[in-house]
Protein backbone atom coordinates (compact mmCIF):
# COMPACT_ATOMS: atom_id res chain seq x y z
CA UNK A 1 3.88 180.81 -12.94
CA UNK A 2 4.65 177.58 -14.66
CA UNK A 3 7.88 175.60 -14.65
CA UNK A 4 8.50 176.78 -18.22
CA UNK A 5 8.58 180.42 -17.09
CA UNK A 6 10.59 179.87 -13.95
CA UNK A 7 12.26 182.97 -12.61
CA UNK A 8 15.82 183.89 -13.78
CA UNK A 9 18.40 185.85 -11.87
CA UNK A 10 17.96 188.98 -14.10
CA UNK A 11 14.23 188.93 -13.86
CA UNK A 12 14.26 188.53 -10.08
CA UNK A 13 16.70 191.41 -9.78
CA UNK A 14 14.50 193.65 -11.82
CA UNK A 15 11.38 192.77 -9.89
CA UNK A 16 13.19 193.33 -6.62
CA UNK A 17 14.43 196.76 -7.74
CA UNK A 18 10.94 197.72 -8.97
CA UNK A 19 9.46 196.88 -5.56
CA UNK A 20 12.16 198.03 -3.14
CA UNK A 21 14.02 200.71 -5.16
CA UNK A 22 17.52 199.33 -5.00
CA UNK A 23 19.40 196.32 -6.44
CA UNK A 24 19.44 192.96 -4.40
CA UNK A 25 22.62 191.46 -3.12
CA UNK A 26 21.85 187.99 -4.69
CA UNK A 27 19.19 185.49 -5.84
CA UNK A 28 18.55 181.91 -4.77
CA UNK A 29 16.13 179.03 -5.48
CA UNK A 30 14.84 176.03 -3.57
CA UNK A 31 12.82 173.29 -5.34
CA UNK A 32 9.56 171.65 -4.32
CA UNK A 33 9.60 167.89 -4.09
CA UNK A 34 7.69 164.76 -5.00
CA UNK A 35 8.10 161.90 -2.66
CA UNK A 36 8.33 158.84 -4.88
CA UNK A 37 7.66 156.49 -2.02
CA UNK A 38 8.13 156.54 1.80
CA UNK A 39 5.15 158.42 3.24
CA UNK A 40 4.78 159.13 6.93
CA UNK A 41 7.94 157.32 7.61
CA UNK A 42 10.18 160.31 8.09
CA UNK A 43 8.95 161.29 11.61
CA UNK A 44 9.12 157.59 12.49
CA UNK A 45 12.87 157.69 11.69
CA UNK A 46 12.36 155.47 8.67
CA UNK A 47 13.32 155.60 5.00
CA UNK A 48 12.10 158.05 2.28
CA UNK A 49 12.81 158.46 -1.40
CA UNK A 50 11.92 161.95 -2.72
CA UNK A 51 13.03 163.83 -5.80
CA UNK A 52 13.50 167.57 -6.13
CA UNK A 53 11.30 168.81 -8.96
CA UNK A 54 11.67 171.43 -11.64
CA UNK A 55 9.35 173.83 -9.85
CA UNK A 56 10.83 176.06 -7.22
CA UNK A 57 10.69 179.07 -4.92
CA UNK A 58 12.91 181.89 -6.12
CA UNK A 59 14.17 184.59 -3.68
CA UNK A 60 16.02 187.87 -4.34
CA UNK A 61 17.51 189.21 -1.08
CA UNK A 62 19.00 192.65 -0.27
CA UNK A 63 20.41 194.47 2.76
CA UNK A 64 18.58 197.83 2.89
CA UNK A 65 20.88 200.74 2.05
CA UNK A 66 21.51 203.23 4.78
CA UNK A 67 20.55 206.10 2.57
CA UNK A 68 16.86 206.22 2.90
CA UNK A 69 16.48 208.15 -0.40
CA UNK A 70 17.52 204.97 -2.23
CA UNK A 71 14.80 202.99 -0.57
CA UNK A 72 11.77 204.56 -2.30
CA UNK A 73 10.29 201.65 -4.25
CA UNK A 74 8.19 201.91 -7.40
CA UNK A 75 5.21 199.88 -6.24
CA UNK A 76 2.96 200.12 -3.25
CA UNK A 77 3.58 196.49 -2.51
CA UNK A 78 6.54 197.14 -0.21
CA UNK A 79 5.50 197.77 3.36
CA UNK A 80 6.67 201.01 5.01
CA UNK A 81 10.25 200.72 6.00
CA UNK A 82 11.22 199.88 9.65
CA UNK A 83 14.89 200.02 10.31
CA UNK A 84 15.43 196.51 11.77
CA UNK A 85 12.55 194.69 10.10
CA UNK A 86 12.41 192.02 7.51
CA UNK A 87 10.10 192.96 4.60
CA UNK A 88 8.79 190.34 2.25
CA UNK A 89 6.88 190.77 -1.06
CA UNK A 90 5.58 187.84 -3.11
CA UNK A 91 4.42 187.54 -6.65
CA UNK A 92 1.28 185.72 -5.35
CA UNK A 93 -1.68 187.98 -4.99
CA UNK A 94 -4.65 188.11 -2.65
CA UNK A 95 -8.38 188.12 -3.64
CA UNK A 96 -8.22 191.90 -4.29
CA UNK A 97 -5.33 191.48 -6.71
CA UNK A 98 -2.72 192.94 -4.33
CA UNK A 99 0.63 191.28 -3.93
CA UNK A 100 1.10 189.42 -0.68
CA UNK A 101 3.40 191.44 1.44
CA UNK A 102 4.38 191.62 5.11
CA UNK A 103 6.93 192.95 7.56
CA UNK A 104 8.14 191.72 10.95
CA UNK A 105 11.07 192.18 13.37
CA UNK A 106 13.03 189.22 14.68
CA UNK A 107 12.79 190.39 18.29
CA UNK A 108 9.02 190.60 18.11
CA UNK A 109 8.21 187.14 16.68
CA UNK A 110 5.57 185.10 18.39
CA UNK A 111 4.16 181.82 16.99
CA UNK A 112 0.68 182.26 15.70
CA UNK A 113 0.71 185.98 15.41
CA UNK A 114 1.46 186.29 11.59
CA UNK A 115 -0.51 185.32 8.49
CA UNK A 116 0.05 181.63 7.64
CA UNK A 117 2.19 182.29 4.56
CA UNK A 118 4.44 184.68 6.49
CA UNK A 119 4.91 182.39 9.37
CA UNK A 120 7.24 180.12 7.25
CA UNK A 121 10.04 182.70 6.63
CA UNK A 122 9.42 184.21 10.11
CA UNK A 123 10.01 180.71 11.63
CA UNK A 124 13.36 180.52 9.81
CA UNK A 125 14.37 183.91 11.15
CA UNK A 126 13.35 182.94 14.64
CA UNK A 127 15.23 179.63 14.51
CA UNK A 128 18.38 181.29 13.11
CA UNK A 129 18.43 183.50 16.25
CA UNK A 130 17.93 180.50 18.54
CA UNK A 131 20.49 178.33 16.76
CA UNK A 132 23.25 180.78 15.77
CA UNK A 133 22.65 183.81 17.85
CA UNK A 134 22.28 185.85 14.70
CA UNK A 135 19.47 188.43 14.77
CA UNK A 136 18.35 189.12 11.21
CA UNK A 137 17.22 192.65 10.37
CA UNK A 138 17.32 195.38 7.77
CA UNK A 139 16.57 192.77 5.05
CA UNK A 140 14.22 192.82 2.10
CA UNK A 141 13.02 189.65 0.21
CA UNK A 142 11.20 189.40 -3.06
CA UNK A 143 9.69 185.88 -3.74
CA UNK A 144 8.37 184.14 -6.80
CA UNK A 145 7.22 180.56 -6.83
CA UNK A 146 6.17 177.97 -9.43
CA UNK A 147 5.31 175.29 -6.77
CA UNK A 148 1.55 174.97 -6.40
CA UNK A 149 0.32 175.98 -2.98
CA UNK A 150 -1.61 173.26 -1.06
CA UNK A 151 -0.79 170.55 -3.64
CA UNK A 152 1.41 168.41 -1.36
CA UNK A 153 4.57 169.33 -3.31
CA UNK A 154 6.15 171.15 -0.31
CA UNK A 155 5.70 174.78 -1.33
CA UNK A 156 6.07 175.96 2.25
CA UNK A 157 9.20 174.00 2.89
CA UNK A 158 10.66 175.21 -0.29
CA UNK A 159 9.96 178.76 0.85
CA UNK A 160 11.69 178.08 4.18
CA UNK A 161 14.72 176.59 2.50
CA UNK A 162 15.03 179.43 -0.06
CA UNK A 163 14.91 182.02 2.74
CA UNK A 164 17.36 180.15 4.81
CA UNK A 165 19.98 179.65 2.10
CA UNK A 166 19.68 183.36 1.21
CA UNK A 167 20.17 184.37 4.88
CA UNK A 168 22.93 181.86 5.36
CA UNK A 169 24.88 183.48 2.46
CA UNK A 170 24.14 187.12 3.42
CA UNK A 171 25.07 186.63 7.07
CA UNK A 172 27.78 184.08 6.52
CA UNK A 173 26.31 181.54 8.90
CA UNK A 174 28.25 178.67 7.41
CA UNK A 175 25.52 176.07 7.86
CA UNK A 176 26.04 172.67 6.12
CA UNK A 177 23.26 170.77 4.41
CA UNK A 178 22.40 168.74 7.49
CA UNK A 179 22.23 171.79 9.69
CA UNK A 180 19.99 173.53 7.13
CA UNK A 181 17.60 170.67 6.97
CA UNK A 182 17.32 170.44 10.74
CA UNK A 183 16.94 174.15 11.21
CA UNK A 184 14.09 174.45 8.74
CA UNK A 185 12.40 171.39 10.38
CA UNK A 186 12.53 173.08 13.81
CA UNK A 187 11.14 176.22 12.26
CA UNK A 188 8.27 174.26 10.87
CA UNK A 189 7.64 172.24 14.02
CA UNK A 190 8.17 174.90 16.72
CA UNK A 191 7.14 178.17 15.08
CA UNK A 192 4.69 177.28 12.37
CA UNK A 193 3.22 174.53 14.60
CA UNK A 194 3.18 171.74 11.93
CA UNK A 195 4.55 168.40 13.34
CA UNK A 196 6.27 167.38 10.01
CA UNK A 197 9.25 165.19 9.54
CA UNK A 198 12.41 166.13 7.58
CA UNK A 199 11.79 164.62 4.09
CA UNK A 200 10.70 167.85 2.47
CA UNK A 201 13.57 170.05 3.63
CA UNK A 202 16.19 167.29 2.94
CA UNK A 203 14.86 166.78 -0.63
CA UNK A 204 14.96 170.51 -1.37
CA UNK A 205 18.50 170.89 -0.06
CA UNK A 206 20.36 167.66 -0.64
CA UNK A 207 19.10 166.14 -3.92
CA UNK A 208 21.38 166.09 -6.97
CA UNK A 209 19.99 166.67 -10.48
CA UNK A 210 18.69 163.46 -12.20
CA UNK A 211 18.50 161.56 -8.94
CA UNK A 212 16.16 160.56 -6.18
CA UNK A 213 17.35 161.00 -2.53
CA UNK A 214 17.46 157.82 -0.47
CA UNK A 215 17.36 159.23 3.06
CA UNK A 216 17.58 157.43 6.39
CA UNK A 217 15.67 159.80 8.63
CA UNK A 218 17.28 158.31 11.79
CA UNK A 219 20.77 159.61 11.12
CA UNK A 220 20.22 161.67 7.81
CA UNK A 221 22.52 159.39 5.86
CA UNK A 222 21.87 159.82 2.15
CA UNK A 223 22.45 158.06 -1.12
CA UNK A 224 21.79 159.61 -4.57
CA UNK A 225 19.76 157.17 -6.62
CA UNK A 226 19.73 157.47 -10.46
CA UNK A 227 16.26 158.46 -11.74
CA UNK A 228 16.32 159.04 -15.50
CA UNK A 229 12.73 158.94 -16.76
CA UNK A 230 13.64 159.93 -20.32
CA UNK A 231 16.06 157.01 -20.75
CA UNK A 232 13.15 154.54 -20.16
CA UNK A 233 10.57 156.53 -22.14
CA UNK A 234 8.65 157.51 -19.07
CA UNK A 235 7.00 160.51 -17.53
CA UNK A 236 5.93 161.27 -13.95
CA UNK A 237 2.56 163.04 -13.70
CA UNK A 238 1.41 165.09 -10.80
CA UNK A 239 -2.33 165.09 -10.34
CA UNK A 240 -3.19 168.04 -8.10
CA UNK A 241 -6.74 167.27 -6.80
CA UNK A 242 -7.07 170.90 -5.76
CA UNK A 243 -8.34 169.68 -2.42
CA UNK A 244 -6.37 171.84 0.00
CA UNK A 245 -4.65 170.44 3.02
CA UNK A 246 -2.71 171.70 6.04
CA UNK A 247 -0.17 169.84 8.11
CA UNK A 248 -1.06 171.99 11.05
CA UNK A 249 -4.54 170.46 11.11
CA UNK A 250 -5.19 167.68 13.59
CA UNK A 251 -5.12 164.57 11.30
CA UNK A 252 -1.43 164.63 10.59
CA UNK A 253 -0.51 165.26 14.16
CA UNK A 254 -2.91 162.60 15.41
CA UNK A 255 -1.10 159.95 13.31
CA UNK A 256 2.31 161.04 14.48
CA UNK A 257 1.10 160.84 18.14
CA UNK A 258 -0.39 157.41 17.55
CA UNK A 259 2.97 156.15 16.23
CA UNK A 260 4.92 157.60 19.14
CA UNK A 261 2.44 156.02 21.60
CA UNK A 262 2.79 152.61 19.89
CA UNK A 263 6.57 152.90 20.15
CA UNK A 264 6.47 153.76 23.82
CA UNK A 265 4.30 150.69 24.52
CA UNK A 266 7.28 148.57 23.37
CA UNK A 267 9.80 150.79 25.26
CA UNK A 268 11.10 152.45 22.16
CA UNK A 269 11.40 156.15 21.21
CA UNK A 270 10.43 155.48 17.54
CA UNK A 271 9.06 152.72 15.47
CA UNK A 272 12.41 152.40 13.68
CA UNK A 273 13.89 150.79 16.82
CA UNK A 274 11.44 147.86 16.60
CA UNK A 275 11.98 144.65 14.77
CA UNK A 276 9.42 144.52 12.07
CA UNK A 277 8.46 140.94 13.06
CA UNK A 278 7.37 142.22 16.53
CA UNK A 279 4.09 140.86 17.87
CA UNK A 280 1.62 143.85 17.72
CA UNK A 281 -0.73 142.16 20.14
CA UNK A 282 -0.29 144.85 22.88
CA UNK A 283 -1.57 147.57 20.52
CA UNK A 284 -5.11 148.71 19.91
CA UNK A 285 -6.54 148.35 16.38
CA UNK A 286 -5.75 151.87 15.33
CA UNK A 287 -2.16 151.57 16.46
CA UNK A 288 -1.81 148.24 14.74
CA UNK A 289 -2.86 149.76 11.41
CA UNK A 290 -0.57 152.70 11.72
CA UNK A 291 2.46 150.55 12.60
CA UNK A 292 1.62 148.00 9.75
CA UNK A 293 1.82 150.94 7.30
CA UNK A 294 5.15 152.26 8.61
CA UNK A 295 6.75 148.79 8.63
CA UNK A 296 5.54 147.93 5.09
CA UNK A 297 6.31 151.39 3.72
CA UNK A 298 9.90 151.14 4.84
CA UNK A 299 10.19 147.77 3.09
CA UNK A 300 8.77 149.28 -0.06
CA UNK A 301 11.33 152.10 -0.01
CA UNK A 302 14.10 149.62 0.27
CA UNK A 303 12.70 147.51 -2.57
CA UNK A 304 12.29 150.56 -4.70
CA UNK A 305 15.89 151.58 -4.17
CA UNK A 306 16.99 148.06 -5.18
CA UNK A 307 15.10 148.40 -8.50
CA UNK A 308 16.32 151.88 -9.24
CA UNK A 309 19.98 151.39 -8.19
CA UNK A 310 20.82 147.96 -9.64
CA UNK A 311 24.40 146.92 -9.99
CA UNK A 312 24.25 147.43 -13.73
CA UNK A 313 22.42 149.59 -16.24
CA UNK A 314 20.57 146.41 -17.35
CA UNK A 315 19.24 145.59 -13.89
CA UNK A 316 17.98 149.09 -13.12
CA UNK A 317 14.28 149.58 -13.73
CA UNK A 318 12.02 152.51 -13.09
CA UNK A 319 9.20 150.59 -14.71
CA UNK A 320 9.60 147.90 -12.08
CA UNK A 321 8.47 150.18 -9.23
CA UNK A 322 4.88 150.51 -10.41
CA UNK A 323 3.37 147.79 -8.14
CA UNK A 324 5.25 149.22 -5.20
CA UNK A 325 3.71 152.71 -5.79
CA UNK A 326 0.21 151.20 -5.98
CA UNK A 327 0.83 149.15 -2.81
CA UNK A 328 1.99 152.27 -1.00
CA UNK A 329 -1.23 154.05 -1.89
CA UNK A 330 -3.43 151.11 -0.70
CA UNK A 331 -1.52 151.11 2.56
CA UNK A 332 -1.87 154.83 3.04
CA UNK A 333 -5.59 154.63 2.27
CA UNK A 334 -6.51 151.62 4.32
CA UNK A 335 -3.92 151.37 7.20
CA UNK A 336 -2.83 155.00 7.60
CA UNK A 337 -6.14 156.48 6.49
CA UNK A 338 -4.77 159.70 5.03
CA UNK A 339 -6.20 159.43 1.53
CA UNK A 340 -9.49 160.92 0.34
CA UNK A 341 -12.04 160.21 -2.34
CA UNK A 342 -10.40 162.53 -4.83
CA UNK A 343 -6.92 161.00 -4.34
CA UNK A 344 -8.30 157.52 -4.61
CA UNK A 345 -10.20 158.52 -7.81
CA UNK A 346 -7.03 160.02 -9.31
CA UNK A 347 -5.11 156.78 -8.73
CA UNK A 348 -7.90 154.52 -9.98
CA UNK A 349 -8.36 156.71 -13.15
CA UNK A 350 -4.73 156.84 -13.93
CA UNK A 351 -4.34 153.00 -13.50
CA UNK A 352 -7.37 152.36 -15.65
CA UNK A 353 -5.82 154.38 -18.44
CA UNK A 354 -2.66 152.42 -18.42
CA UNK A 355 -0.37 153.97 -15.78
CA UNK A 356 2.51 151.83 -14.68
CA UNK A 357 1.93 152.84 -11.05
CA UNK A 358 0.22 155.57 -9.04
CA UNK A 359 -0.21 156.72 -5.47
CA UNK A 360 -1.02 159.71 -3.30
CA UNK A 361 2.10 161.76 -2.38
CA UNK A 362 2.66 164.05 0.60
CA UNK A 363 0.92 164.16 3.92
CA UNK A 364 -2.50 163.41 2.48
CA UNK A 365 -6.01 164.63 3.27
CA UNK A 366 -5.92 166.24 -0.14
CA UNK A 367 -3.10 167.53 -2.24
CA UNK A 368 -1.66 165.46 -5.10
CA UNK A 369 -1.23 161.95 -6.53
CA UNK A 370 1.57 160.89 -8.80
CA UNK A 371 1.33 158.55 -11.81
CA UNK A 372 4.25 156.88 -13.51
CA UNK A 373 3.29 156.58 -17.16
CA UNK A 374 4.79 155.90 -20.58
CA UNK A 375 5.75 159.26 -22.17
CA UNK A 376 3.53 158.61 -25.08
CA UNK A 377 0.43 158.08 -22.93
CA UNK A 378 0.55 161.36 -20.93
CA UNK A 379 -2.33 162.88 -22.68
CA UNK A 380 -4.42 159.79 -22.53
CA UNK A 381 -3.90 159.30 -18.79
CA UNK A 382 -4.56 162.98 -18.14
CA UNK A 383 -7.79 163.02 -20.01
CA UNK A 384 -8.99 159.84 -18.21
CA UNK A 385 -8.34 161.45 -14.88
CA UNK A 386 -10.15 164.59 -15.83
CA UNK A 387 -13.13 162.62 -17.23
CA UNK A 388 -13.47 160.60 -14.01
CA UNK A 389 -13.25 163.68 -11.89
CA UNK A 390 -16.01 165.34 -14.00
CA UNK A 391 -18.17 162.20 -13.65
CA UNK A 392 -17.83 162.52 -9.81
CA UNK A 393 -18.60 166.19 -9.78
CA UNK A 394 -15.06 167.07 -8.45
CA UNK A 395 -13.16 170.18 -9.34
CA UNK A 396 -11.05 169.93 -12.50
CA UNK A 397 -7.58 168.67 -11.40
CA UNK A 398 -4.40 170.36 -12.45
CA UNK A 399 -2.20 167.71 -14.17
CA UNK A 400 1.36 168.28 -15.23
CA UNK A 401 4.63 166.34 -15.65
CA UNK A 402 7.62 166.95 -13.39
CA UNK A 403 11.28 166.07 -13.98
CA UNK A 404 13.98 165.41 -11.33
CA UNK A 405 15.47 168.74 -10.44
CA UNK A 406 18.47 169.84 -8.43
CA UNK A 407 18.79 171.00 -4.89
CA UNK A 408 18.75 174.51 -3.56
CA UNK A 409 21.34 177.04 -4.57
CA UNK A 410 22.24 180.40 -5.98
CA UNK A 411 20.73 181.68 -9.23
CA UNK A 412 23.22 183.18 -11.65
């Protein structure tokens, strides 16, 4: 499903009723994100600058009626009903063409026991019980998504946030934005088993339309930074390399552990506590490279915010951040070593075709790059990237423009 055909409240309600046989209580959405700059700084208590994008996960939620005759469903997609279970049906389909569907009970949840896609909403349900004491049950969820899976645009976190805000409303949990971000992070870390930071959840929950979110990950203080691409005649391209990645794989966790080990050598709990002029002599070479990236990336985030949030309209400049984006990519490739040949090729091709700046975005090891381009050069840059991918024998990338979206909420 493309951004142009994003789900509406009426369409979600119709699909929910077709699957489960009764009308849902309400509908919600949570956007994916593009991190403009500030990569692998979040779990180091540093700075990040993401935007919510105009692609999102959409959820219709319903409390199952007590009258079982109402719960007949019109499709075979809905799992057989169990009284206290949570049933989930997605618009995504498996290799046989069947909709993804699953069912679990809150009391039976064990990390690692569910299919990977189902572990994300299950982790939210599990963490709600641990955090609030509320045991979720007798609930049905229908899910549609326009966020590409595995592209580094935070499709899994958007799913977690969409499920959480739906359950928060249905059960009256009264969670504020900070609590929602922290709860979904714990679900991802403790149940899913992915040692991610908090940038993805915060971007999906807290970002205002037309802005980037300047987030201090140490205390979750935020500032909304104007980000009006159209006003400067610009576009932001996502280049999905279609190289899949997983944050539960070892590379991401290895880098987080290396940073934590480096901080402990200096008697600190995170790299944020260290003065960035500290002598890195006590560290081994790998640790030095990782720390150099974190220190320099935090500086690049601050510099980007200064350019985007100038004291007057005349001093604000999205165009001015191009060199910072490119420097971020070089640091991620050389010091943090989380890029790959396809991501490097995407950045090089975009820059050769006239992009203002480009870099990988997300955790790395695949996923997407972003390119800041003049709106008039979108097609030229896209064709240059596709041509270079073809020359290298890579899969054809998926390339599309994104706009700053708004944070999670109800769908009318």
